[in-house]
Amino acid sequence: MMKRQIIALGGGGFSMEPDNLALDRYILSQSDKQEPRICFIPTASGDKPDYIRRFYEAFNRLSCKPSHLSLFEPTFQDLHAFVMKQDILYVGGGSTRNLLALWQEWKLDTIIAEAYQNGIILTGLSAGANCWFEEGLTDPLNGSLYAIEGLGILSGSICPHFNGEIKRRPAYLSAIEQGRIMEGYGVDDSAALHFVDEQLIHAVCSRKGAAAYKINRQGAGTVEERISAAYLN
């Protein structure tokens, strides 16, 4: 049976740590291909050209075949066929709400769900981590953080940048305490959760001290269980 994999980054990778590609190498290593086809999906950023450029700069240094998928300036003729040719789909950060709206418009959400069932690895950071869960914590410009529904491939919720943005951790804990978001995971920048067949198998990090946490509601508060993360050096 085909193994299904999702690697959810709190932050880090090529877009945040261009001189430390440990998490990106880890993602590539989970494919059974010597040079996996990895496709960057920068929808959440509005397909920023600089973001796409930095992806190629990083992954052209690694053993893989990089490409990107643009919904703003599409170059594909058949979206379904293009996605199904990939081994890894890497979703960038930005606006989770915009990402999901555009994916639904293009029916890319259902194509990605099919790709996942066919063994194509799903990964990403920030919005690219939020999207895989039932709920994620997102932050609009100049606004309060709030819960947003994801694709629901993984159960529960996630808060990326758990230690990287000062308002993230308290907002997430408060939302769980008040029942405004499901229990779930807080994931630091430079840390990632690796799921196989929808089950968490382990956490990894590219910087010592970076961690992930399982957050559950308990009484009138929350309890944080630190998940041991293997350091990638």
Protein backbone atom coordinates (compact mmCIF):
# COMPACT_ATOMS: atom_id res chain seq x y z
CA MET A 1 0.00 0.00 0.00
CA MET A 2 1.23 3.51 -0.85
CA LYS A 3 2.73 5.40 2.10
CA ARG A 4 1.15 8.82 2.67
CA GLN A 5 3.44 11.55 4.07
CA ILE A 6 3.06 15.13 5.27
CA ILE A 7 5.94 17.21 6.68
CA ALA A 8 4.64 20.38 8.35
CA LEU A 9 7.22 23.10 9.09
CA GLY A 10 6.58 25.79 11.67
CA GLY A 11 9.04 27.96 9.76
CA GLY A 12 12.53 27.67 8.35
CA GLY A 13 13.75 25.92 5.25
CA PHE A 14 15.09 27.82 2.24
CA SER A 15 12.76 30.81 2.66
CA MET A 16 13.82 31.63 6.22
CA GLU A 17 17.24 29.99 6.55
CA PRO A 18 18.88 30.13 3.10
CA ASP A 19 22.23 29.08 4.57
CA ASN A 20 20.74 26.14 6.46
CA LEU A 21 18.93 23.72 4.13
CA ALA A 22 18.78 20.84 6.62
CA LEU A 23 14.98 20.71 6.64
CA ASP A 24 14.85 20.86 2.85
CA ARG A 25 17.36 18.02 2.59
CA TYR A 26 15.26 16.03 5.07
CA ILE A 27 12.16 16.53 2.93
CA LEU A 28 13.96 15.29 -0.18
CA SER A 29 15.35 12.29 1.70
CA GLN A 30 11.83 10.99 2.41
CA SER A 31 11.27 10.28 -1.28
CA ASP A 32 12.35 6.94 -2.68
CA LYS A 33 13.69 8.71 -5.78
CA GLN A 34 17.37 9.64 -6.13
CA GLU A 35 16.39 12.95 -7.76
CA PRO A 36 12.78 13.56 -6.75
CA ARG A 37 10.62 16.01 -8.66
CA ILE A 38 9.81 18.76 -6.15
CA CYS A 39 7.25 21.40 -7.05
CA PHE A 40 7.03 24.69 -5.16
CA ILE A 41 3.49 26.11 -4.79
CA PRO A 42 3.78 29.80 -3.80
CA THR A 43 0.05 30.61 -3.98
CA ALA A 44 -0.11 32.03 -0.44
CA SER A 45 2.43 34.73 -1.32
CA GLY A 46 0.65 35.71 -4.53
CA ASP A 47 3.39 33.88 -6.46
CA LYS A 48 6.02 36.44 -5.48
CA PRO A 49 8.82 36.28 -8.08
CA ASP A 50 11.52 36.70 -5.44
CA TYR A 51 10.12 33.79 -3.42
CA ILE A 52 10.16 31.58 -6.51
CA ARG A 53 13.70 32.71 -7.33
CA ARG A 54 14.91 31.80 -3.84
CA PHE A 55 13.32 28.36 -4.16
CA TYR A 56 15.28 27.62 -7.32
CA GLU A 57 18.50 29.05 -5.85
CA ALA A 58 18.20 26.62 -2.95
CA PHE A 59 16.96 23.49 -4.66
CA ASN A 60 19.27 23.77 -7.67
CA ARG A 61 22.02 23.11 -5.11
CA LEU A 62 20.33 19.87 -3.99
CA SER A 63 19.79 16.51 -5.62
CA CYS A 64 16.34 16.97 -7.13
CA LYS A 65 14.37 18.27 -10.12
CA PRO A 66 12.72 21.53 -9.02
CA SER A 67 9.75 23.22 -10.63
CA HIS A 68 7.00 25.57 -9.50
CA LEU A 69 3.25 25.85 -9.95
CA SER A 70 1.80 29.31 -10.56
CA LEU A 71 -1.92 30.01 -10.56
CA PHE A 72 -1.33 33.69 -11.41
CA GLU A 73 0.82 33.06 -14.49
CA PRO A 74 0.13 29.41 -15.30
CA THR A 75 2.47 27.59 -17.65
CA PHE A 76 0.82 24.17 -17.44
CA GLN A 77 -1.71 22.88 -19.97
CA ASP A 78 -3.27 20.24 -17.71
CA LEU A 79 -3.14 21.06 -13.99
CA HIS A 80 -4.03 17.54 -12.87
CA ALA A 81 -1.36 15.94 -15.05
CA PHE A 82 1.26 18.46 -13.96
CA VAL A 83 0.66 17.80 -10.25
CA MET A 84 0.56 14.04 -10.65
CA LYS A 85 4.03 14.05 -12.24
CA GLN A 86 5.58 15.36 -9.01
CA ASP A 87 7.12 13.43 -6.13
CA ILE A 88 6.92 16.26 -3.57
CA LEU A 89 4.63 19.31 -3.32
CA TYR A 90 6.19 22.12 -1.24
CA VAL A 91 3.75 24.88 -0.23
CA GLY A 92 5.13 28.29 0.70
CA GLY A 93 4.02 30.79 3.33
CA GLY A 94 1.75 33.80 3.11
CA SER A 95 -2.03 34.09 3.37
CA THR A 96 -3.73 30.80 4.25
CA ARG A 97 -7.14 32.25 3.38
CA ASN A 98 -6.05 33.36 -0.10
CA LEU A 99 -4.29 30.07 -0.71
CA LEU A 100 -7.38 28.00 0.09
CA ALA A 101 -9.72 30.25 -1.90
CA LEU A 102 -7.57 30.01 -5.03
CA TRP A 103 -7.02 26.28 -4.65
CA GLN A 104 -10.79 25.75 -4.43
CA GLU A 105 -11.39 27.95 -7.48
CA TRP A 106 -8.89 25.90 -9.50
CA LYS A 107 -9.96 22.61 -7.84
CA LEU A 108 -6.32 22.24 -6.83
CA ASP A 109 -7.43 21.22 -3.34
CA THR A 110 -9.05 18.04 -4.66
CA ILE A 111 -6.10 17.35 -6.99
CA ILE A 112 -3.66 17.65 -4.07
CA ALA A 113 -5.83 15.33 -1.96
CA GLU A 114 -5.63 12.77 -4.77
CA ALA A 115 -1.89 13.28 -5.08
CA TYR A 116 -1.52 12.57 -1.35
CA GLN A 117 -3.45 9.31 -1.69
CA ASN A 118 -1.11 8.38 -4.55
CA GLY A 119 1.98 8.78 -2.37
CA ILE A 120 3.12 12.26 -3.40
CA ILE A 121 4.71 13.89 -0.34
CA LEU A 122 3.05 17.06 0.94
CA THR A 123 5.09 19.65 2.81
CA GLY A 124 5.29 23.36 3.51
CA LEU A 125 5.73 26.05 6.12
CA SER A 126 3.43 28.57 7.79
CA ALA A 127 0.38 28.74 5.48
CA GLY A 128 1.91 25.67 3.84
CA ALA A 129 1.57 23.85 7.18
CA ASN A 130 -1.83 25.30 8.16
CA CYS A 131 -3.46 23.97 5.01
CA TRP A 132 -3.04 20.26 5.83
CA PHE A 133 -4.89 20.35 9.17
CA GLU A 134 -8.55 20.70 10.12
CA GLU A 135 -7.68 24.13 11.50
CA GLY A 136 -4.70 26.46 11.58
CA LEU A 137 -3.89 29.72 13.32
CA THR A 138 -3.48 32.58 10.89
CA ASP A 139 -2.82 36.30 11.24
CA PRO A 140 -4.15 39.02 8.94
CA LEU A 141 -2.24 42.27 8.60
CA ASN A 142 -2.93 44.56 11.56
CA GLY A 143 -5.46 42.11 13.00
CA SER A 144 -5.88 39.50 15.69
CA LEU A 145 -4.95 35.89 15.06
CA TYR A 146 -7.86 33.58 14.37
CA ALA A 147 -8.61 29.97 13.43
CA ILE A 148 -9.08 29.06 9.79
CA GLU A 149 -10.27 25.77 8.34
CA GLY A 150 -7.72 23.80 6.33
CA LEU A 151 -8.09 20.80 4.05
CA GLY A 152 -8.58 18.44 6.99
CA ILE A 153 -6.13 15.77 5.85
CA LEU A 154 -4.62 15.82 9.35
CA SER A 155 -6.79 16.02 12.46
CA GLY A 156 -6.68 18.88 14.96
CA SER A 157 -4.99 22.24 14.57
CA ILE A 158 -1.53 23.70 14.13
CA CYS A 159 0.17 26.96 15.09
CA PRO A 160 3.29 27.62 12.99
CA HIS A 161 5.94 30.14 14.13
CA PHE A 162 5.10 29.08 17.69
CA ASN A 163 8.21 30.75 19.08
CA GLY A 164 9.01 32.97 16.11
CA GLU A 165 6.34 35.64 16.44
CA ILE A 166 5.61 37.07 19.87
CA LYS A 167 1.82 36.95 19.61
CA ARG A 168 1.56 33.39 18.26
CA ARG A 169 1.99 31.24 21.37
CA PRO A 170 -0.31 33.20 23.72
CA ALA A 171 -2.98 33.56 21.02
CA TYR A 172 -2.94 29.83 20.28
CA LEU A 173 -3.07 28.78 23.92
CA SER A 174 -5.90 31.22 24.60
CA ALA A 175 -7.86 30.00 21.57
CA ILE A 176 -7.55 26.38 22.73
CA GLU A 177 -8.51 27.28 26.31
CA GLN A 178 -11.64 29.06 25.08
CA GLY A 179 -12.58 26.33 22.60
CA ARG A 180 -12.16 28.64 19.59
CA ILE A 181 -9.73 26.25 17.96
CA MET A 182 -9.15 22.52 18.21
CA GLU A 183 -6.37 21.05 20.28
CA GLY A 184 -3.25 20.53 18.23
CA TYR A 185 0.41 21.36 17.73
CA GLY A 186 2.60 24.40 18.27
CA VAL A 187 5.63 24.23 15.96
CA ASP A 188 8.64 26.51 16.32
CA ASP A 189 10.54 28.05 13.45
CA SER A 190 13.24 25.58 12.32
CA ALA A 191 11.14 22.61 13.48
CA ALA A 192 8.87 20.23 11.58
CA LEU A 193 6.38 17.44 12.27
CA HIS A 194 6.51 14.33 10.08
CA PHE A 195 3.26 12.40 9.62
CA VAL A 196 2.95 9.02 7.93
CA ASP A 197 -0.53 7.72 7.14
CA GLU A 198 -1.95 10.60 9.23
CA GLN A 199 0.02 9.57 12.33
CA LEU A 200 2.84 11.65 13.82
CA ILE A 201 6.01 9.57 13.67
CA HIS A 202 8.56 12.14 14.84
CA ALA A 203 9.73 15.74 14.85
CA VAL A 204 12.94 17.17 13.41
CA CYS A 205 14.69 20.52 13.72
CA SER A 206 17.44 22.40 11.88
CA ARG A 207 18.43 24.54 14.85
CA LYS A 208 19.25 23.36 18.36
CA GLY A 209 16.51 24.31 20.79
CA ALA A 210 13.75 24.44 18.18
CA ALA A 211 10.86 22.24 19.19
CA ALA A 212 7.25 21.24 18.69
CA TYR A 213 4.54 20.81 21.28
CA LYS A 214 1.30 18.90 21.61
CA ILE A 215 -1.24 21.28 23.12
CA ASN A 216 -4.33 19.93 24.87
CA ARG A 217 -7.10 21.59 26.82
CA GLN A 218 -7.09 20.74 30.51
CA GLY A 219 -9.61 22.20 32.91
CA ALA A 220 -9.63 25.97 32.52
CA GLY A 221 -6.23 26.00 30.81
CA THR A 222 -3.92 24.05 28.55
CA VAL A 223 -1.09 21.57 28.94
CA GLU A 224 1.96 21.60 26.65
CA GLU A 225 3.80 18.37 25.94
CA ARG A 226 7.17 18.93 24.29
CA ILE A 227 7.79 16.60 21.38
CA SER A 228 11.40 15.47 21.20
CA ALA A 229 12.88 16.67 17.90
CA ALA A 230 15.85 15.04 16.18
CA TYR A 231 18.49 17.63 15.30
CA LEU A 232 19.49 17.60 11.64
CA ASN A 233 23.15 18.54 11.33
